[in-house]
Amino acid sequence: MSKIGEHEEDPILLFSFLKGDNNAFSSIYNKYVDELFAYGIGLGFERETLRDAIQDTFFKFYTNKKQLEGVTHLKYYLFRMLKNRLFDIYKSSNKENIVDVTNLPFLIEPSVLDELVANEDKAAIETEIKNLLEILTDRQKEAVYLRFIQELEYEEVANLLDMTAPAVRKLISRAIKRMRDEKF
């Protein structure tokens, strides 16, 4: 199924879940758990902490159906829930320090792209992508990841990064320019 088809399926799954279909919940979980995990890894969280946070996210998602009635983009909503949960965990583990969670490092690895790249070209492309990503700031890496790998809209990326949509467009534009300049 194409990416467009997958996103068109989300409102149907969400509607079914809100009507009490637990199979729809399982489908939502299976569809997004790996993407949430990859995003959490990119944010620099340990695997065990991340697994717990994802379970907390889906537990809250399951138990707070009333809050889901206005959700129009399921993937974004789950990413936002996970990021909020991870930052709560991060803040609680750093009580003695005042933490600016908007400046946490974002660690993206080319392995997130595994399903997008044919095996014979994978190693060369991963090396090239890794080299290009190394020149970006953490903020640029996260914005590029959310916009192009996770296919979130600029407004959704802006909300996740606590920025405005025009600022995200500018950030991504500068990241792309920086990568193009480096490549040529």
N, C-alpha and C. Protein backbone atom coordinates (compact mmCIF):
# COMPACT_ATOMS: atom_id res chain seq x y z
N MET A 1 0.85 -1.18 0.00
CA MET A 1 0.00 0.00 0.00
C MET A 1 0.89 1.24 0.00
N SER A 2 0.49 2.24 -0.72
CA SER A 2 1.28 3.47 -0.80
C SER A 2 1.13 4.28 0.48
N LYS A 3 2.03 5.26 0.65
CA LYS A 3 1.96 6.12 1.83
C LYS A 3 0.63 6.86 1.88
N ILE A 4 0.13 7.32 0.73
CA ILE A 4 -1.14 8.04 0.72
C ILE A 4 -2.25 7.13 1.20
N GLY A 5 -2.27 5.89 0.72
CA GLY A 5 -3.27 4.92 1.15
C GLY A 5 -3.20 4.66 2.64
N GLU A 6 -1.99 4.60 3.16
CA GLU A 6 -1.83 4.36 4.59
C GLU A 6 -2.43 5.49 5.41
N HIS A 7 -2.21 6.74 4.97
CA HIS A 7 -2.75 7.87 5.72
C HIS A 7 -4.25 7.98 5.57
N GLU A 8 -4.79 7.56 4.44
CA GLU A 8 -6.23 7.57 4.24
C GLU A 8 -6.91 6.54 5.14
N GLU A 9 -6.18 5.50 5.52
CA GLU A 9 -6.71 4.45 6.37
C GLU A 9 -6.86 4.93 7.83
N ASP A 10 -6.05 5.90 8.24
CA ASP A 10 -6.04 6.35 9.64
C ASP A 10 -7.39 6.81 10.16
N PRO A 11 -8.12 7.66 9.46
CA PRO A 11 -9.42 8.08 10.00
C PRO A 11 -10.39 6.91 10.20
N ILE A 12 -10.32 5.93 9.32
CA ILE A 12 -11.19 4.75 9.44
C ILE A 12 -10.80 3.95 10.68
N LEU A 13 -9.50 3.74 10.86
CA LEU A 13 -9.02 3.02 12.05
C LEU A 13 -9.40 3.77 13.33
N LEU A 14 -9.20 5.07 13.34
CA LEU A 14 -9.52 5.86 14.52
C LEU A 14 -11.02 5.81 14.82
N PHE A 15 -11.83 5.96 13.80
CA PHE A 15 -13.29 5.90 13.97
C PHE A 15 -13.70 4.53 14.54
N SER A 16 -13.14 3.47 13.97
CA SER A 16 -13.46 2.12 14.45
C SER A 16 -13.04 1.94 15.90
N PHE A 17 -11.85 2.43 16.23
CA PHE A 17 -11.37 2.33 17.61
C PHE A 17 -12.29 3.09 18.56
N LEU A 18 -12.70 4.29 18.19
CA LEU A 18 -13.58 5.09 19.04
C LEU A 18 -14.94 4.42 19.23
N LYS A 19 -15.31 3.58 18.29
CA LYS A 19 -16.58 2.84 18.39
C LYS A 19 -16.42 1.53 19.15
N GLY A 20 -15.19 1.26 19.66
CA GLY A 20 -14.99 0.09 20.50
C GLY A 20 -14.30 -1.09 19.84
N ASP A 21 -13.79 -0.92 18.63
CA ASP A 21 -13.12 -2.01 17.92
C ASP A 21 -11.67 -2.12 18.39
N ASN A 22 -11.39 -3.14 19.21
CA ASN A 22 -10.03 -3.34 19.72
C ASN A 22 -9.07 -3.79 18.63
N ASN A 23 -9.57 -4.40 17.56
CA ASN A 23 -8.70 -4.75 16.44
C ASN A 23 -8.16 -3.50 15.76
N ALA A 24 -8.96 -2.45 15.73
CA ALA A 24 -8.50 -1.17 15.16
C ALA A 24 -7.36 -0.61 16.01
N PHE A 25 -7.50 -0.71 17.34
CA PHE A 25 -6.42 -0.25 18.22
C PHE A 25 -5.15 -1.05 17.94
N SER A 26 -5.26 -2.36 17.79
CA SER A 26 -4.10 -3.20 17.50
C SER A 26 -3.46 -2.79 16.18
N SER A 27 -4.29 -2.47 15.20
CA SER A 27 -3.77 -2.04 13.89
C SER A 27 -3.01 -0.72 14.02
N ILE A 28 -3.58 0.21 14.78
CA ILE A 28 -2.91 1.51 15.01
C ILE A 28 -1.56 1.28 15.70
N TYR A 29 -1.58 0.46 16.74
CA TYR A 29 -0.35 0.17 17.49
C TYR A 29 0.70 -0.42 16.55
N ASN A 30 0.33 -1.47 15.82
CA ASN A 30 1.29 -2.15 14.94
C ASN A 30 1.79 -1.25 13.82
N LYS A 31 0.94 -0.36 13.37
CA LYS A 31 1.31 0.54 12.28
C LYS A 31 2.34 1.58 12.72
N TYR A 32 2.24 2.06 13.96
CA TYR A 32 3.07 3.20 14.37
C TYR A 32 4.13 2.91 15.43
N VAL A 33 4.13 1.75 16.04
CA VAL A 33 5.06 1.50 17.13
C VAL A 33 6.52 1.61 16.68
N ASP A 34 6.85 1.08 15.50
CA ASP A 34 8.24 1.15 15.03
C ASP A 34 8.66 2.57 14.68
N GLU A 35 7.75 3.33 14.08
CA GLU A 35 8.07 4.72 13.74
C GLU A 35 8.26 5.56 15.00
N LEU A 36 7.44 5.32 16.01
CA LEU A 36 7.59 6.03 17.28
C LEU A 36 8.92 5.66 17.94
N PHE A 37 9.26 4.39 17.87
CA PHE A 37 10.52 3.93 18.45
C PHE A 37 11.70 4.60 17.76
N ALA A 38 11.67 4.63 16.42
CA ALA A 38 12.76 5.27 15.66
C ALA A 38 12.88 6.75 16.01
N TYR A 39 11.75 7.42 16.15
CA TYR A 39 11.77 8.84 16.52
C TYR A 39 12.36 9.03 17.93
N GLY A 40 11.97 8.19 18.86
CA GLY A 40 12.50 8.27 20.22
C GLY A 40 13.99 8.01 20.27
N ILE A 41 14.46 7.06 19.47
CA ILE A 41 15.90 6.80 19.37
C ILE A 41 16.60 8.05 18.85
N GLY A 42 15.98 8.68 17.85
CA GLY A 42 16.55 9.91 17.29
C GLY A 42 16.64 11.01 18.32
N LEU A 43 15.71 11.03 19.27
CA LEU A 43 15.74 12.03 20.33
C LEU A 43 16.78 11.69 21.40
N GLY A 44 17.39 10.50 21.29
CA GLY A 44 18.49 10.14 22.19
C GLY A 44 18.10 9.40 23.44
N PHE A 45 16.91 8.83 23.47
CA PHE A 45 16.48 8.11 24.67
C PHE A 45 16.92 6.65 24.61
N GLU A 46 17.15 6.08 25.79
CA GLU A 46 17.55 4.68 25.88
C GLU A 46 16.37 3.80 25.50
N ARG A 47 16.70 2.64 24.96
CA ARG A 47 15.67 1.72 24.44
C ARG A 47 14.64 1.34 25.50
N GLU A 48 15.08 1.03 26.70
CA GLU A 48 14.14 0.60 27.74
C GLU A 48 13.22 1.75 28.15
N THR A 49 13.78 2.92 28.32
CA THR A 49 12.97 4.11 28.63
C THR A 49 11.97 4.37 27.51
N LEU A 50 12.45 4.21 26.30
CA LEU A 50 11.60 4.44 25.13
C LEU A 50 10.47 3.43 25.05
N ARG A 51 10.76 2.17 25.30
CA ARG A 51 9.70 1.15 25.30
C ARG A 51 8.63 1.49 26.33
N ASP A 52 9.06 1.88 27.52
CA ASP A 52 8.10 2.26 28.56
C ASP A 52 7.27 3.47 28.13
N ALA A 53 7.92 4.46 27.55
CA ALA A 53 7.21 5.67 27.13
C ALA A 53 6.20 5.37 26.02
N ILE A 54 6.55 4.48 25.12
CA ILE A 54 5.62 4.10 24.05
C ILE A 54 4.42 3.37 24.64
N GLN A 55 4.69 2.49 25.60
CA GLN A 55 3.57 1.79 26.25
C GLN A 55 2.68 2.79 27.00
N ASP A 56 3.30 3.75 27.69
CA ASP A 56 2.52 4.79 28.37
C ASP A 56 1.68 5.59 27.37
N THR A 57 2.29 5.90 26.23
CA THR A 57 1.59 6.66 25.19
C THR A 57 0.37 5.90 24.69
N PHE A 58 0.54 4.64 24.38
CA PHE A 58 -0.59 3.87 23.88
C PHE A 58 -1.62 3.58 24.97
N PHE A 59 -1.18 3.46 26.21
CA PHE A 59 -2.13 3.29 27.31
C PHE A 59 -3.01 4.53 27.44
N LYS A 60 -2.37 5.70 27.42
CA LYS A 60 -3.11 6.96 27.49
C LYS A 60 -4.03 7.12 26.28
N PHE A 61 -3.53 6.76 25.12
CA PHE A 61 -4.32 6.81 23.89
C PHE A 61 -5.57 5.94 24.04
N TYR A 62 -5.38 4.74 24.58
CA TYR A 62 -6.48 3.78 24.72
C TYR A 62 -7.50 4.23 25.77
N THR A 63 -7.02 4.77 26.86
CA THR A 63 -7.92 5.10 27.97
C THR A 63 -8.56 6.48 27.88
N ASN A 64 -8.07 7.34 27.03
CA ASN A 64 -8.62 8.70 26.90
C ASN A 64 -9.28 8.92 25.55
N LYS A 65 -10.25 8.09 25.24
CA LYS A 65 -10.91 8.16 23.93
C LYS A 65 -11.59 9.51 23.69
N LYS A 66 -12.10 10.12 24.73
CA LYS A 66 -12.80 11.41 24.56
C LYS A 66 -11.90 12.46 23.92
N GLN A 67 -10.61 12.44 24.27
CA GLN A 67 -9.67 13.43 23.74
C GLN A 67 -9.34 13.18 22.27
N LEU A 68 -9.71 12.03 21.74
CA LEU A 68 -9.34 11.67 20.38
C LEU A 68 -10.38 12.11 19.35
N GLU A 69 -11.52 12.56 19.80
CA GLU A 69 -12.62 12.84 18.87
C GLU A 69 -12.30 13.94 17.87
N GLY A 70 -11.46 14.89 18.19
CA GLY A 70 -11.12 15.95 17.25
C GLY A 70 -9.83 15.72 16.48
N VAL A 71 -9.21 14.57 16.65
CA VAL A 71 -7.92 14.28 16.00
C VAL A 71 -8.12 14.11 14.50
N THR A 72 -7.35 14.86 13.73
CA THR A 72 -7.46 14.77 12.28
C THR A 72 -6.24 14.09 11.65
N HIS A 73 -5.11 14.07 12.35
CA HIS A 73 -3.92 13.42 11.83
C HIS A 73 -3.33 12.53 12.91
N LEU A 74 -3.64 11.26 12.81
CA LEU A 74 -3.31 10.29 13.84
C LEU A 74 -1.80 10.18 14.09
N LYS A 75 -1.02 10.11 13.03
CA LYS A 75 0.43 9.95 13.18
C LYS A 75 1.02 11.13 13.96
N TYR A 76 0.66 12.33 13.57
CA TYR A 76 1.15 13.50 14.28
C TYR A 76 0.74 13.45 15.76
N TYR A 77 -0.51 13.09 16.02
CA TYR A 77 -1.01 13.05 17.38
C TYR A 77 -0.18 12.07 18.23
N LEU A 78 0.13 10.90 17.68
CA LEU A 78 0.93 9.92 18.42
C LEU A 78 2.36 10.41 18.63
N PHE A 79 2.95 11.05 17.63
CA PHE A 79 4.30 11.61 17.79
C PHE A 79 4.29 12.67 18.89
N ARG A 80 3.29 13.52 18.90
CA ARG A 80 3.19 14.57 19.92
C ARG A 80 3.05 13.96 21.31
N MET A 81 2.17 12.95 21.44
CA MET A 81 1.99 12.28 22.72
C MET A 81 3.30 11.68 23.22
N LEU A 82 4.01 10.99 22.32
CA LEU A 82 5.27 10.36 22.71
C LEU A 82 6.30 11.41 23.11
N LYS A 83 6.42 12.45 22.33
CA LYS A 83 7.42 13.48 22.64
C LYS A 83 7.11 14.12 24.00
N ASN A 84 5.85 14.40 24.26
CA ASN A 84 5.46 14.97 25.55
C ASN A 84 5.83 14.01 26.69
N ARG A 85 5.55 12.73 26.51
CA ARG A 85 5.85 11.74 27.55
C ARG A 85 7.37 11.64 27.77
N LEU A 86 8.13 11.62 26.69
CA LEU A 86 9.59 11.53 26.81
C LEU A 86 10.17 12.76 27.51
N PHE A 87 9.64 13.92 27.20
CA PHE A 87 10.14 15.13 27.86
C PHE A 87 9.74 15.16 29.33
N ASP A 88 8.58 14.62 29.67
CA ASP A 88 8.21 14.50 31.08
C ASP A 88 9.20 13.60 31.81
N ILE A 89 9.57 12.49 31.18
CA ILE A 89 10.54 11.56 31.77
C ILE A 89 11.89 12.26 31.91
N TYR A 90 12.30 12.97 30.86
CA TYR A 90 13.58 13.66 30.87
C TYR A 90 13.62 14.72 31.97
N LYS A 91 12.55 15.49 32.07
CA LYS A 91 12.50 16.55 33.09
C LYS A 91 12.54 15.95 34.50
N SER A 92 11.81 14.86 34.71
CA SER A 92 11.76 14.28 36.05
C SER A 92 13.10 13.65 36.44
N SER A 93 13.88 13.22 35.47
CA SER A 93 15.19 12.65 35.78
C SER A 93 16.26 13.73 35.95
N ASN A 94 15.94 14.97 35.61
CA ASN A 94 16.89 16.08 35.72
C ASN A 94 16.30 17.20 36.57
N LYS A 95 15.73 16.86 37.71
CA LYS A 95 15.06 17.84 38.56
C LYS A 95 15.99 18.94 39.05
N GLU A 96 17.24 18.58 39.32
CA GLU A 96 18.15 19.58 39.87
C GLU A 96 18.62 20.57 38.81
N ASN A 97 18.48 20.22 37.55
CA ASN A 97 18.89 21.12 36.47
C ASN A 97 17.67 21.69 35.77
N ILE A 98 17.73 22.95 35.42
CA ILE A 98 16.68 23.53 34.59
C ILE A 98 16.98 23.08 33.17
N VAL A 99 16.00 22.44 32.55
CA VAL A 99 16.24 21.80 31.26
C VAL A 99 15.47 22.53 30.17
N ASP A 100 16.17 22.87 29.10
CA ASP A 100 15.52 23.41 27.91
C ASP A 100 15.38 22.26 26.93
N VAL A 101 14.19 21.66 26.90
CA VAL A 101 13.98 20.47 26.08
C VAL A 101 13.96 20.78 24.59
N THR A 102 13.92 22.04 24.20
CA THR A 102 13.92 22.36 22.78
C THR A 102 15.32 22.25 22.18
N ASN A 103 16.34 22.10 23.01
CA ASN A 103 17.71 22.02 22.50
C ASN A 103 18.36 20.67 22.75
N LEU A 104 17.56 19.62 22.91
CA LEU A 104 18.12 18.29 23.06
C LEU A 104 18.69 17.84 21.72
N PRO A 105 19.75 17.03 21.74
CA PRO A 105 20.32 16.55 20.48
C PRO A 105 19.34 15.61 19.77
N PHE A 106 19.36 15.64 18.45
CA PHE A 106 18.56 14.72 17.66
C PHE A 106 19.52 13.85 16.88
N LEU A 107 19.48 12.55 17.14
CA LEU A 107 20.43 11.61 16.57
C LEU A 107 19.73 10.73 15.56
N ILE A 108 19.85 11.06 14.30
CA ILE A 108 19.21 10.26 13.27
C ILE A 108 20.26 9.38 12.61
N GLU A 109 19.91 8.15 12.44
CA GLU A 109 20.80 7.21 11.77
C GLU A 109 20.17 6.80 10.45
N PRO A 110 20.97 6.57 9.44
CA PRO A 110 20.43 6.15 8.16
C PRO A 110 19.62 4.87 8.21
N SER A 111 19.79 4.05 9.24
CA SER A 111 19.05 2.80 9.33
C SER A 111 17.54 3.02 9.38
N VAL A 112 17.10 4.22 9.75
CA VAL A 112 15.69 4.54 9.72
C VAL A 112 15.16 4.44 8.29
N LEU A 113 16.04 4.58 7.33
CA LEU A 113 15.65 4.56 5.93
C LEU A 113 15.67 3.16 5.32
N ASP A 114 15.91 2.13 6.13
CA ASP A 114 16.08 0.78 5.62
C ASP A 114 15.03 0.36 4.60
N GLU A 115 13.77 0.59 4.92
CA GLU A 115 12.72 0.11 4.04
C GLU A 115 12.62 0.91 2.75
N LEU A 116 13.28 2.06 2.68
CA LEU A 116 13.18 2.92 1.51
C LEU A 116 14.26 2.67 0.46
N VAL A 117 15.27 1.90 0.81
CA VAL A 117 16.44 1.80 -0.06
C VAL A 117 16.66 0.34 -0.47
N ALA A 118 16.93 0.13 -1.74
CA ALA A 118 17.24 -1.23 -2.22
C ALA A 118 18.55 -1.69 -1.61
N ASN A 119 18.66 -2.98 -1.34
CA ASN A 119 19.81 -3.53 -0.63
C ASN A 119 21.15 -3.26 -1.32
N GLU A 120 21.22 -3.36 -2.63
CA GLU A 120 22.51 -3.21 -3.31
C GLU A 120 23.07 -1.79 -3.22
N ASP A 121 22.20 -0.80 -3.09
CA ASP A 121 22.65 0.59 -3.00
C ASP A 121 22.69 1.10 -1.56
N LYS A 122 22.21 0.31 -0.67
CA LYS A 122 22.00 0.74 0.71
C LYS A 122 23.27 1.28 1.38
N ALA A 123 24.35 0.55 1.33
CA ALA A 123 25.57 0.96 2.03
C ALA A 123 26.10 2.30 1.52
N ALA A 124 26.15 2.46 0.21
CA ALA A 124 26.66 3.72 -0.37
C ALA A 124 25.75 4.89 -0.03
N ILE A 125 24.46 4.68 -0.13
CA ILE A 125 23.52 5.75 0.17
C ILE A 125 23.54 6.10 1.66
N GLU A 126 23.59 5.07 2.52
CA GLU A 126 23.65 5.33 3.96
C GLU A 126 24.88 6.15 4.33
N THR A 127 26.02 5.83 3.74
CA THR A 127 27.24 6.58 4.01
C THR A 127 27.10 8.02 3.57
N GLU A 128 26.54 8.23 2.38
CA GLU A 128 26.36 9.58 1.88
C GLU A 128 25.37 10.37 2.74
N ILE A 129 24.28 9.74 3.12
CA ILE A 129 23.28 10.41 3.96
C ILE A 129 23.88 10.74 5.32
N LYS A 130 24.61 9.79 5.89
CA LYS A 130 25.22 10.03 7.20
C LYS A 130 26.19 11.21 7.15
N ASN A 131 26.99 11.27 6.10
CA ASN A 131 27.94 12.38 5.95
C ASN A 131 27.20 13.71 5.80
N LEU A 132 26.13 13.73 5.03
CA LEU A 132 25.36 14.96 4.85
C LEU A 132 24.66 15.37 6.14
N LEU A 133 24.12 14.40 6.87
CA LEU A 133 23.41 14.74 8.11
C LEU A 133 24.35 15.25 9.20
N GLU A 134 25.60 14.81 9.16
CA GLU A 134 26.56 15.24 10.17
C GLU A 134 26.83 16.74 10.13
N ILE A 135 26.60 17.37 8.98
CA ILE A 135 26.86 18.80 8.88
C ILE A 135 25.69 19.64 9.40
N LEU A 136 24.54 18.99 9.65
CA LEU A 136 23.36 19.73 10.11
C LEU A 136 23.37 19.86 11.63
N THR A 137 22.67 20.88 12.11
CA THR A 137 22.47 21.01 13.55
C THR A 137 21.45 19.95 13.99
N ASP A 138 21.39 19.70 15.28
CA ASP A 138 20.42 18.73 15.79
C ASP A 138 18.99 19.14 15.44
N ARG A 139 18.72 20.41 15.53
CA ARG A 139 17.38 20.93 15.21
C ARG A 139 17.04 20.70 13.74
N GLN A 140 18.02 20.94 12.86
CA GLN A 140 17.81 20.71 11.43
C GLN A 140 17.58 19.23 11.15
N LYS A 141 18.36 18.37 11.80
CA LYS A 141 18.20 16.92 11.62
C LYS A 141 16.78 16.49 11.99
N GLU A 142 16.32 16.96 13.14
CA GLU A 142 14.99 16.57 13.60
C GLU A 142 13.91 17.08 12.65
N ALA A 143 14.04 18.30 12.20
CA ALA A 143 13.05 18.88 11.28
C ALA A 143 13.03 18.12 9.96
N VAL A 144 14.19 17.83 9.41
CA VAL A 144 14.27 17.08 8.15
C VAL A 144 13.68 15.69 8.33
N TYR A 145 14.00 15.03 9.44
CA TYR A 145 13.47 13.69 9.73
C TYR A 145 11.94 13.71 9.79
N LEU A 146 11.40 14.65 10.54
CA LEU A 146 9.95 14.71 10.70
C LEU A 146 9.24 15.06 9.39
N ARG A 147 9.82 15.97 8.63
CA ARG A 147 9.16 16.42 7.40
C ARG A 147 9.29 15.39 6.27
N PHE A 148 10.48 14.84 6.07
CA PHE A 148 10.70 14.01 4.89
C PHE A 148 10.66 12.51 5.16
N ILE A 149 11.08 12.08 6.32
CA ILE A 149 11.02 10.65 6.63
C ILE A 149 9.64 10.28 7.17
N GLN A 150 9.14 11.08 8.10
CA GLN A 150 7.83 10.80 8.70
C GLN A 150 6.68 11.48 7.95
N GLU A 151 7.01 12.33 6.99
CA GLU A 151 6.02 12.98 6.12
C GLU A 151 4.97 13.79 6.88
N LEU A 152 5.39 14.46 7.94
CA LEU A 152 4.49 15.34 8.66
C LEU A 152 4.43 16.69 7.94
N GLU A 153 3.32 17.38 8.10
CA GLU A 153 3.15 18.70 7.51
C GLU A 153 4.02 19.71 8.27
N TYR A 154 4.33 20.85 7.63
CA TYR A 154 5.16 21.86 8.27
C TYR A 154 4.56 22.34 9.59
N GLU A 155 3.25 22.50 9.63
CA GLU A 155 2.60 22.96 10.86
C GLU A 155 2.76 21.93 11.99
N GLU A 156 2.71 20.65 11.63
CA GLU A 156 2.88 19.59 12.63
C GLU A 156 4.32 19.54 13.13
N VAL A 157 5.26 19.68 12.22
CA VAL A 157 6.67 19.73 12.61
C VAL A 157 6.89 20.94 13.52
N ALA A 158 6.29 22.06 13.15
CA ALA A 158 6.43 23.28 13.96
C ALA A 158 5.92 23.05 15.37
N ASN A 159 4.78 22.40 15.51
CA ASN A 159 4.23 22.13 16.84
C ASN A 159 5.14 21.21 17.65
N LEU A 160 5.69 20.19 16.99
CA LEU A 160 6.59 19.27 17.70
C LEU A 160 7.89 19.95 18.13
N LEU A 161 8.33 20.93 17.35
CA LEU A 161 9.60 21.61 17.66
C LEU A 161 9.38 22.93 18.41
N ASP A 162 8.14 23.23 18.74
CA ASP A 162 7.81 24.51 19.41
C ASP A 162 8.32 25.71 18.61
N MET A 163 8.01 25.69 17.33
CA MET A 163 8.40 26.76 16.41
C MET A 163 7.17 27.16 15.60
N THR A 164 7.31 28.19 14.80
CA THR A 164 6.25 28.54 13.87
C THR A 164 6.49 27.79 12.55
N ALA A 165 5.44 27.63 11.77
CA ALA A 165 5.58 26.94 10.48
C ALA A 165 6.56 27.67 9.56
N PRO A 166 6.50 29.01 9.46
CA PRO A 166 7.50 29.69 8.62
C PRO A 166 8.95 29.47 9.11
N ALA A 167 9.12 29.42 10.41
CA ALA A 167 10.46 29.17 10.95
C ALA A 167 10.94 27.77 10.60
N VAL A 168 10.03 26.80 10.60
CA VAL A 168 10.39 25.43 10.23
C VAL A 168 10.74 25.37 8.74
N ARG A 169 9.96 26.04 7.92
CA ARG A 169 10.26 26.09 6.48
C ARG A 169 11.67 26.65 6.25
N LYS A 170 11.98 27.71 6.98
CA LYS A 170 13.29 28.34 6.85
C LYS A 170 14.40 27.40 7.33
N LEU A 171 14.15 26.74 8.46
CA LEU A 171 15.11 25.80 9.02
C LEU A 171 15.40 24.66 8.05
N ILE A 172 14.35 24.10 7.46
CA ILE A 172 14.51 23.00 6.52
C ILE A 172 15.17 23.49 5.24
N SER A 173 14.79 24.66 4.79
CA SER A 173 15.39 25.23 3.58
C SER A 173 16.89 25.42 3.77
N ARG A 174 17.27 25.93 4.92
CA ARG A 174 18.70 26.11 5.21
C ARG A 174 19.43 24.78 5.31
N ALA A 175 18.75 23.78 5.88
CA ALA A 175 19.36 22.45 5.98
C ALA A 175 19.60 21.86 4.59
N ILE A 176 18.62 21.99 3.72
CA ILE A 176 18.75 21.46 2.36
C ILE A 176 19.85 22.21 1.62
N LYS A 177 19.87 23.52 1.75
CA LYS A 177 20.92 24.31 1.10
C LYS A 177 22.30 23.89 1.61
N ARG A 178 22.40 23.70 2.91
CA ARG A 178 23.67 23.31 3.51
C ARG A 178 24.13 21.95 2.97
N MET A 179 23.18 21.01 2.84
CA MET A 179 23.54 19.68 2.32
C MET A 179 23.91 19.78 0.84
N ARG A 180 23.19 20.58 0.07
CA ARG A 180 23.52 20.75 -1.37
C ARG A 180 24.90 21.37 -1.53
N ASP A 181 25.17 22.42 -0.73
CA ASP A 181 26.48 23.08 -0.81
C ASP A 181 27.60 22.11 -0.48
N GLU A 182 27.38 21.24 0.49
CA GLU A 182 28.39 20.27 0.91
C GLU A 182 28.60 19.21 -0.17
N LYS A 183 27.53 18.82 -0.81
CA LYS A 183 27.61 17.76 -1.83
C LYS A 183 28.35 18.23 -3.07
N PHE A 184 28.21 19.49 -3.43
CA PHE A 184 28.82 19.98 -4.69
C PHE A 184 29.99 20.84 -4.43
